[in-house]
């Protein structure tokens, strides 16, 4: 008599999901709240598209933010990295195209009072790195779902640009080392993992503390980032 077929075990979604490291920032300057902090807390451990989100909040500190983010990458070995930042005054969700090798906040200090001018992020690094996120697909998907979005060609030269450059430089360095020093146990090398930066407008709550600032609801900001991640 033939044996009955084995039951088809349904895999838990966490068994298939890849890891996406999602970062936001703490409040800074005259912004008493930072909507990116709320987004990453809300999305932490959610499954979005092909990824399980693991969230971290970074300090607004030129030295510590970069250091901690690279440590999180080493700890988690993520399959993608998306960093979020506040661009109060912008009305659109704006995935950034490029990060440049410069720290210059125009006289604005970080949260430890450090003011930098014309300083390189990495003295030995290239002038810039392009995002490896699908920024055009993100913008199209957001607009199709009635969330205003456009590609930005400047991430500024404050902390947002700083962490975007640091992540892309680290990944480029890892790829170069892996290509130059393959081993017999190495899996086939793939393209650099998706990584980059997305700026968001102010939330309504934050806009009440500012003058003439475009804003979105916190719920819409969070929903927009989820849609962006779905394209990856």
Protein backbone atom coordinates (compact mmCIF):
# COMPACT_ATOMS: atom_id res chain seq x y z
CA UNK A 1 0.00 0.00 0.00
CA UNK A 2 1.55 3.36 -0.99
CA UNK A 3 2.50 5.73 1.78
CA UNK A 4 0.36 8.85 2.10
CA UNK A 5 2.08 11.99 0.84
CA UNK A 6 3.87 14.05 3.43
CA UNK A 7 2.01 17.18 4.48
CA UNK A 8 3.12 20.30 2.66
CA UNK A 9 4.68 22.44 5.37
CA UNK A 10 4.08 26.12 4.82
CA UNK A 11 7.23 28.12 5.45
CA UNK A 12 6.98 31.02 7.83
CA UNK A 13 7.58 34.30 5.94
CA UNK A 14 10.62 35.06 8.10
CA UNK A 15 12.33 31.97 6.68
CA UNK A 16 12.35 33.49 3.19
CA UNK A 17 12.66 37.19 3.88
CA UNK A 18 15.93 38.95 3.35
CA UNK A 19 17.11 41.58 5.82
CA UNK A 20 16.76 45.30 5.17
CA UNK A 21 18.51 47.67 7.57
CA UNK A 22 16.35 50.80 7.86
CA UNK A 23 17.70 53.85 9.69
CA UNK A 24 16.31 57.18 10.77
CA UNK A 25 17.63 60.04 12.87
CA UNK A 26 16.92 61.55 16.25
CA UNK A 27 15.64 65.17 16.47
CA UNK A 28 18.18 67.89 15.64
CA UNK A 29 18.67 71.65 15.38
CA UNK A 30 15.27 73.35 15.84
CA UNK A 31 13.34 70.21 14.86
CA UNK A 32 11.98 68.95 18.16
CA UNK A 33 10.67 65.76 16.61
CA UNK A 34 11.98 63.77 13.67
CA UNK A 35 9.38 61.85 11.64
CA UNK A 36 12.04 59.43 10.37
CA UNK A 37 12.43 58.17 13.93
CA UNK A 38 8.71 57.39 14.05
CA UNK A 39 8.80 55.62 10.68
CA UNK A 40 11.65 53.27 11.55
CA UNK A 41 10.09 52.40 14.90
CA UNK A 42 6.76 51.66 13.20
CA UNK A 43 8.30 49.45 10.50
CA UNK A 44 10.76 47.57 12.70
CA UNK A 45 10.45 43.78 12.17
CA UNK A 46 7.71 44.15 9.55
CA UNK A 47 7.85 42.08 6.38
CA UNK A 48 7.65 44.38 3.35
CA UNK A 49 7.99 42.85 -0.08
CA UNK A 50 11.02 40.56 -0.04
CA UNK A 51 12.49 42.00 3.16
CA UNK A 52 12.20 41.85 6.90
CA UNK A 53 12.93 45.33 8.20
CA UNK A 54 15.38 45.79 11.05
CA UNK A 55 15.38 49.39 12.24
CA UNK A 56 17.90 51.57 14.01
CA UNK A 57 17.82 55.25 15.04
CA UNK A 58 21.07 57.15 14.52
CA UNK A 59 22.42 60.10 16.51
CA UNK A 60 22.89 63.41 14.72
CA UNK A 61 26.63 63.28 15.26
CA UNK A 62 29.15 63.42 12.41
CA UNK A 63 31.39 60.80 13.99
CA UNK A 64 29.00 58.49 15.83
CA UNK A 65 26.30 58.18 13.16
CA UNK A 66 28.74 56.80 10.59
CA UNK A 67 30.47 54.58 13.14
CA UNK A 68 27.24 53.08 14.47
CA UNK A 69 25.73 52.52 11.05
CA UNK A 70 28.78 50.60 9.87
CA UNK A 71 28.69 48.57 13.08
CA UNK A 72 25.03 47.71 12.47
CA UNK A 73 25.92 46.59 8.96
CA UNK A 74 28.68 44.36 10.31
CA UNK A 75 26.33 42.92 12.94
CA UNK A 76 23.30 42.31 10.72
CA UNK A 77 24.94 41.62 7.34
CA UNK A 78 21.85 43.07 5.64
CA UNK A 79 20.76 42.37 2.09
CA UNK A 80 19.78 46.03 1.63
CA UNK A 81 20.28 49.33 3.45
CA UNK A 82 17.87 52.26 3.34
CA UNK A 83 18.52 55.38 5.38
CA UNK A 84 15.90 58.07 5.94
CA UNK A 85 16.33 61.75 6.66
CA UNK A 86 14.16 64.80 7.19
CA UNK A 87 14.17 67.49 4.50
CA UNK A 88 11.85 70.07 6.05
CA UNK A 89 10.74 72.38 3.23
CA UNK A 90 10.47 69.68 0.59
CA UNK A 91 6.96 68.62 -0.41
CA UNK A 92 7.89 65.31 -2.06
CA UNK A 93 9.40 62.00 -1.05
CA UNK A 94 12.85 62.29 -2.61
CA UNK A 95 15.13 59.29 -3.11
CA UNK A 96 18.66 60.63 -3.45
CA UNK A 97 20.71 59.96 -6.56
CA UNK A 98 24.21 60.67 -5.26
CA UNK A 99 26.29 61.20 -2.12
CA UNK A 100 29.39 63.41 -2.24
CA UNK A 101 32.60 63.23 -0.23
CA UNK A 102 32.02 66.38 1.79
CA UNK A 103 30.93 67.39 5.28
CA UNK A 104 29.88 71.05 5.36
CA UNK A 105 26.71 71.99 7.20
CA UNK A 106 26.87 75.68 6.35
CA UNK A 107 27.60 76.62 9.93
CA UNK A 108 24.96 74.31 11.45
CA UNK A 109 26.28 72.13 14.29
CA UNK A 110 25.51 68.49 14.89
CA UNK A 111 23.90 67.56 18.21
CA UNK A 112 27.30 67.68 19.93
CA UNK A 113 27.97 71.20 18.72
CA UNK A 114 30.50 70.15 16.08
CA UNK A 115 30.62 72.46 13.06
CA UNK A 116 32.45 71.22 9.96
CA UNK A 117 33.39 73.05 6.78
CA UNK A 118 34.89 71.65 3.56
CA UNK A 119 35.80 68.42 5.37
CA UNK A 120 36.03 65.11 3.47
CA UNK A 121 34.03 62.17 4.72
CA UNK A 122 36.86 59.88 3.64
CA UNK A 123 40.14 61.54 2.58
CA UNK A 124 41.01 58.55 0.40
CA UNK A 125 37.55 58.04 -1.06
CA UNK A 126 36.18 59.07 -4.45
CA UNK A 127 34.29 62.31 -4.99
CA UNK A 128 30.93 60.60 -4.91
CA UNK A 129 28.84 57.44 -5.05
CA UNK A 130 25.57 56.84 -6.86
CA UNK A 131 22.71 55.21 -4.98
CA UNK A 132 22.18 51.54 -5.75
CA UNK A 133 18.48 51.74 -4.82
CA UNK A 134 15.92 51.55 -7.66
CA UNK A 135 15.23 55.26 -7.24
CA UNK A 136 13.31 55.73 -10.51
CA UNK A 137 11.11 52.72 -9.83
CA UNK A 138 10.48 54.05 -6.31
CA UNK A 139 9.41 57.45 -7.63
CA UNK A 140 7.16 55.93 -10.28
CA UNK A 141 5.52 53.54 -7.81
CA UNK A 142 4.88 56.33 -5.31
CA UNK A 143 3.39 58.65 -7.93
CA UNK A 144 1.19 55.85 -9.27
CA UNK A 145 -0.19 55.50 -5.74
CA UNK A 146 -0.80 59.26 -5.40
CA UNK A 147 2.18 59.98 -3.17
CA UNK A 148 4.16 62.92 -4.63
CA UNK A 149 7.75 61.84 -5.27
CA UNK A 150 10.71 62.83 -7.39
CA UNK A 151 14.41 61.99 -7.64
CA UNK A 152 16.71 64.40 -5.81
CA UNK A 153 20.16 65.21 -7.12
CA UNK A 154 21.49 66.56 -3.84
CA UNK A 155 21.48 64.97 -0.41
CA UNK A 156 23.10 68.11 1.02
CA UNK A 157 26.33 67.98 3.00
CA UNK A 158 24.99 67.42 6.51
CA UNK A 159 24.42 64.09 8.26
CA UNK A 160 22.16 62.60 5.59
CA UNK A 161 24.80 62.83 2.87
CA UNK A 162 27.40 61.69 5.39
CA UNK A 163 25.74 58.36 6.20
CA UNK A 164 24.75 57.73 2.57
CA UNK A 165 28.36 58.17 1.45
CA UNK A 166 29.71 56.05 4.33
CA UNK A 167 27.43 53.11 3.53
CA UNK A 168 28.14 53.16 -0.21
CA UNK A 169 31.87 53.51 0.39
CA UNK A 170 31.86 50.54 2.76
CA UNK A 171 29.95 48.38 0.30
CA UNK A 172 32.19 49.38 -2.59
CA UNK A 173 35.25 48.51 -0.47
CA UNK A 174 33.79 45.13 0.45
CA UNK A 175 32.99 44.34 -3.18
CA UNK A 176 36.48 45.33 -4.32
CA UNK A 177 38.11 43.17 -1.66
CA UNK A 178 35.86 40.23 -2.45
CA UNK A 179 36.60 40.44 -6.17
CA UNK A 180 40.35 40.74 -5.56
CA UNK A 181 40.56 37.92 -2.99
CA UNK A 182 38.17 35.12 -3.96
CA UNK A 183 38.38 31.81 -2.12
CA UNK A 184 37.31 28.31 -3.03
CA UNK A 185 34.42 28.53 -0.60
CA UNK A 186 33.14 31.86 -1.89
CA UNK A 187 29.71 31.87 -3.47
CA UNK A 188 29.52 33.54 -6.89
CA UNK A 189 29.83 37.30 -6.50
CA UNK A 190 26.68 39.30 -7.10
CA UNK A 191 26.08 42.97 -7.69
CA UNK A 192 26.40 45.35 -4.77
CA UNK A 193 23.39 45.20 -2.46
CA UNK A 194 20.75 47.92 -2.81
CA UNK A 195 21.71 50.85 -0.60
CA UNK A 196 20.95 54.53 -0.48
CA UNK A 197 19.01 57.36 1.07
CA UNK A 198 15.47 58.76 0.99
CA UNK A 199 14.52 62.23 2.22
CA UNK A 200 11.01 62.85 3.52
CA UNK A 201 8.99 66.04 4.14
CA UNK A 202 7.99 67.27 7.58
CA UNK A 203 5.11 65.63 9.38
CA UNK A 204 2.04 67.68 10.28
CA UNK A 205 3.08 67.53 13.92
CA UNK A 206 6.49 68.97 13.14
CA UNK A 207 5.08 71.58 10.76
CA UNK A 208 2.99 73.10 13.55
CA UNK A 209 6.31 74.14 15.16
CA UNK A 210 7.66 75.70 11.94
CA UNK A 211 6.63 78.48 9.58
CA UNK A 212 5.19 77.89 6.10
CA UNK A 213 6.48 74.32 5.86
CA UNK A 214 4.83 71.73 3.60
CA UNK A 215 3.92 68.59 5.50
CA UNK A 216 2.39 65.13 5.31
CA UNK A 217 0.57 63.07 7.89
CA UNK A 218 2.83 60.67 9.76
CA UNK A 219 0.69 57.80 8.48
CA UNK A 220 1.23 58.84 4.85
CA UNK A 221 4.98 59.23 5.37
CA UNK A 222 5.17 55.70 6.75
CA UNK A 223 2.96 54.31 3.98
CA UNK A 224 5.15 55.99 1.35
CA UNK A 225 8.32 54.39 2.70
CA UNK A 226 6.61 51.00 2.69
CA UNK A 227 5.71 51.51 -0.98
CA UNK A 228 9.30 52.51 -1.77
CA UNK A 229 10.63 49.35 -0.13
CA UNK A 230 8.12 47.24 -2.10
CA UNK A 231 9.94 48.14 -5.33
CA UNK A 232 13.20 46.55 -4.15
